Amino acid sequence: MEKKEFELDLRGEVCPFTFVKTKLQLEKMESGDKLAVIFDHAPAIDNVPRSVRNEGHKILGIDRIEGKLWKIHIEKVD
């Protein structure tokens, strides 16, 4: 089955909602699908990747984009 790529724009969201919304999106996805999450709330750069790893998913990378924006690349793992 072909793997899909998703993007979730969470600019303006604050912790813990950045992780909650990321988790809800991951629940809708199949194993191996990829998710890019964009956010601008600084604590999320530490909290979201840690929480996603604790859920068993892979962090493929973290990029700083456009000044204060961040993008986390995640692969869903079941």
C-alpha atoms as a PDB file:
ATOM      1  CA  MET A   1       0.000   0.000   0.000  1.00  0.00           C
ATOM      2  CA  GLU A   2       1.250   3.471  -0.898  1.00  0.00           C
ATOM      3  CA  LYS A   3       2.333   5.606   2.044  1.00  0.00           C
ATOM      4  CA  LYS A   4       0.844   9.085   2.340  1.00  0.00           C
ATOM      5  CA  GLU A   5       2.234  12.412   3.478  1.00  0.00           C
ATOM      6  CA  PHE A   6       0.237  14.849   5.573  1.00  0.00           C
ATOM      7  CA  GLU A   7       0.844  18.375   6.846  1.00  0.00           C
ATOM      8  CA  LEU A   8      -0.673  19.889   9.963  1.00  0.00           C
ATOM      9  CA  ASP A   9      -0.438  23.662  10.477  1.00  0.00           C
ATOM     10  CA  LEU A  10      -0.640  24.476  14.176  1.00  0.00           C
ATOM     11  CA  ARG A  11       0.524  28.089  14.077  1.00  0.00           C
ATOM     12  CA  GLY A  12      -1.100  29.959  16.945  1.00  0.00           C
ATOM     13  CA  GLU A  13      -1.669  26.803  19.035  1.00  0.00           C
ATOM     14  CA  VAL A  14      -0.016  26.485  22.444  1.00  0.00           C
ATOM     15  CA  CYS A  15       1.175  23.507  24.445  1.00  0.00           C
ATOM     16  CA  PRO A  16      -0.308  21.047  25.263  1.00  0.00           C
ATOM     17  CA  PHE A  17      -2.668  21.474  22.294  1.00  0.00           C
ATOM     18  CA  THR A  18       0.191  21.159  19.797  1.00  0.00           C
ATOM     19  CA  PHE A  19       0.789  17.584  20.938  1.00  0.00           C
ATOM     20  CA  VAL A  20      -2.897  16.728  21.382  1.00  0.00           C
ATOM     21  CA  LYS A  21      -3.716  17.792  17.816  1.00  0.00           C
ATOM     22  CA  THR A  22      -0.610  16.037  16.489  1.00  0.00           C
ATOM     23  CA  LYS A  23      -1.635  12.836  18.289  1.00  0.00           C
ATOM     24  CA  LEU A  24      -5.183  13.032  16.923  1.00  0.00           C
ATOM     25  CA  GLN A  25      -3.841  13.396  13.368  1.00  0.00           C
ATOM     26  CA  LEU A  26      -1.472  10.458  13.813  1.00  0.00           C
ATOM     27  CA  GLU A  27      -4.376   8.289  14.997  1.00  0.00           C
ATOM     28  CA  LYS A  28      -6.081   8.814  11.606  1.00  0.00           C
ATOM     29  CA  MET A  29      -2.995   7.718   9.666  1.00  0.00           C
ATOM     30  CA  GLU A  30      -1.575   4.328   8.626  1.00  0.00           C
ATOM     31  CA  SER A  31       1.769   2.945   9.779  1.00  0.00           C
ATOM     32  CA  GLY A  32       4.558   4.328   7.589  1.00  0.00           C
ATOM     33  CA  ASP A  33       2.669   7.502   6.659  1.00  0.00           C
ATOM     34  CA  LYS A  34       4.537  10.753   7.234  1.00  0.00           C
ATOM     35  CA  LEU A  35       3.328  13.906   8.971  1.00  0.00           C
ATOM     36  CA  ALA A  36       4.886  17.375   8.904  1.00  0.00           C
ATOM     37  CA  VAL A  37       3.701  19.608  11.757  1.00  0.00           C
ATOM     38  CA  ILE A  38       4.251  23.375  11.591  1.00  0.00           C
ATOM     39  CA  PHE A  39       4.099  25.435  14.787  1.00  0.00           C
ATOM     40  CA  ASP A  40       5.286  28.702  16.268  1.00  0.00           C
ATOM     41  CA  HIS A  41       5.070  28.128  20.018  1.00  0.00           C
ATOM     42  CA  ALA A  42       8.602  27.681  21.387  1.00  0.00           C
ATOM     43  CA  PRO A  43       7.934  25.072  24.137  1.00  0.00           C
ATOM     44  CA  ALA A  44       6.564  22.726  21.472  1.00  0.00           C
ATOM     45  CA  ILE A  45      10.060  22.264  20.008  1.00  0.00           C
ATOM     46  CA  ASP A  46      10.977  20.233  23.099  1.00  0.00           C
ATOM     47  CA  ASN A  47       7.621  18.811  24.126  1.00  0.00           C
ATOM     48  CA  VAL A  48       6.113  17.573  20.864  1.00  0.00           C
ATOM     49  CA  PRO A  49       9.080  15.464  19.655  1.00  0.00           C
ATOM     50  CA  ARG A  50       9.539  13.925  23.119  1.00  0.00           C
ATOM     51  CA  SER A  51       5.847  13.086  23.421  1.00  0.00           C
ATOM     52  CA  VAL A  52       5.667  11.708  19.868  1.00  0.00           C
ATOM     53  CA  ARG A  53       8.684   9.453  20.565  1.00  0.00           C
ATOM     54  CA  ASN A  54       7.035   8.288  23.803  1.00  0.00           C
ATOM     55  CA  GLU A  55       4.023   7.242  21.693  1.00  0.00           C
ATOM     56  CA  GLY A  56       6.386   5.052  19.636  1.00  0.00           C
ATOM     57  CA  HIS A  57       6.613   7.131  16.445  1.00  0.00           C
ATOM     58  CA  LYS A  58       9.810   8.231  14.655  1.00  0.00           C
ATOM     59  CA  ILE A  59      11.023  11.812  14.472  1.00  0.00           C
ATOM     60  CA  LEU A  60      12.603  12.142  11.038  1.00  0.00           C
ATOM     61  CA  GLY A  61      13.770  15.719  11.508  1.00  0.00           C
ATOM     62  CA  ILE A  62      13.123  19.157  12.925  1.00  0.00           C
ATOM     63  CA  ASP A  63      13.562  22.260  10.792  1.00  0.00           C
ATOM     64  CA  ARG A  64      13.411  25.938  11.600  1.00  0.00           C
ATOM     65  CA  ILE A  65      11.509  27.728   8.845  1.00  0.00           C
ATOM     66  CA  GLU A  66      10.634  31.385   8.336  1.00  0.00           C
ATOM     67  CA  GLY A  67      12.088  32.868  11.520  1.00  0.00           C
ATOM     68  CA  LYS A  68       9.942  31.697  14.438  1.00  0.00           C
ATOM     69  CA  LEU A  69       8.290  28.774  12.674  1.00  0.00           C
ATOM     70  CA  TRP A  70       9.302  25.142  13.191  1.00  0.00           C
ATOM     71  CA  LYS A  71       8.449  21.992  11.250  1.00  0.00           C
ATOM     72  CA  ILE A  72       8.663  18.530  12.789  1.00  0.00           C
ATOM     73  CA  HIS A  73       8.754  15.530  10.420  1.00  0.00           C
ATOM     74  CA  ILE A  74       7.190  12.382  11.861  1.00  0.00           C
ATOM     75  CA  GLU A  75       6.722   8.829  10.620  1.00  0.00           C
ATOM     76  CA  LYS A  76       3.789   6.958  12.129  1.00  0.00           C
ATOM     77  CA  VAL A  77       4.708   3.607  13.648  1.00  0.00           C
ATOM     78  CA  ASP A  78       2.145   1.069  14.844  1.00  0.00           C
END
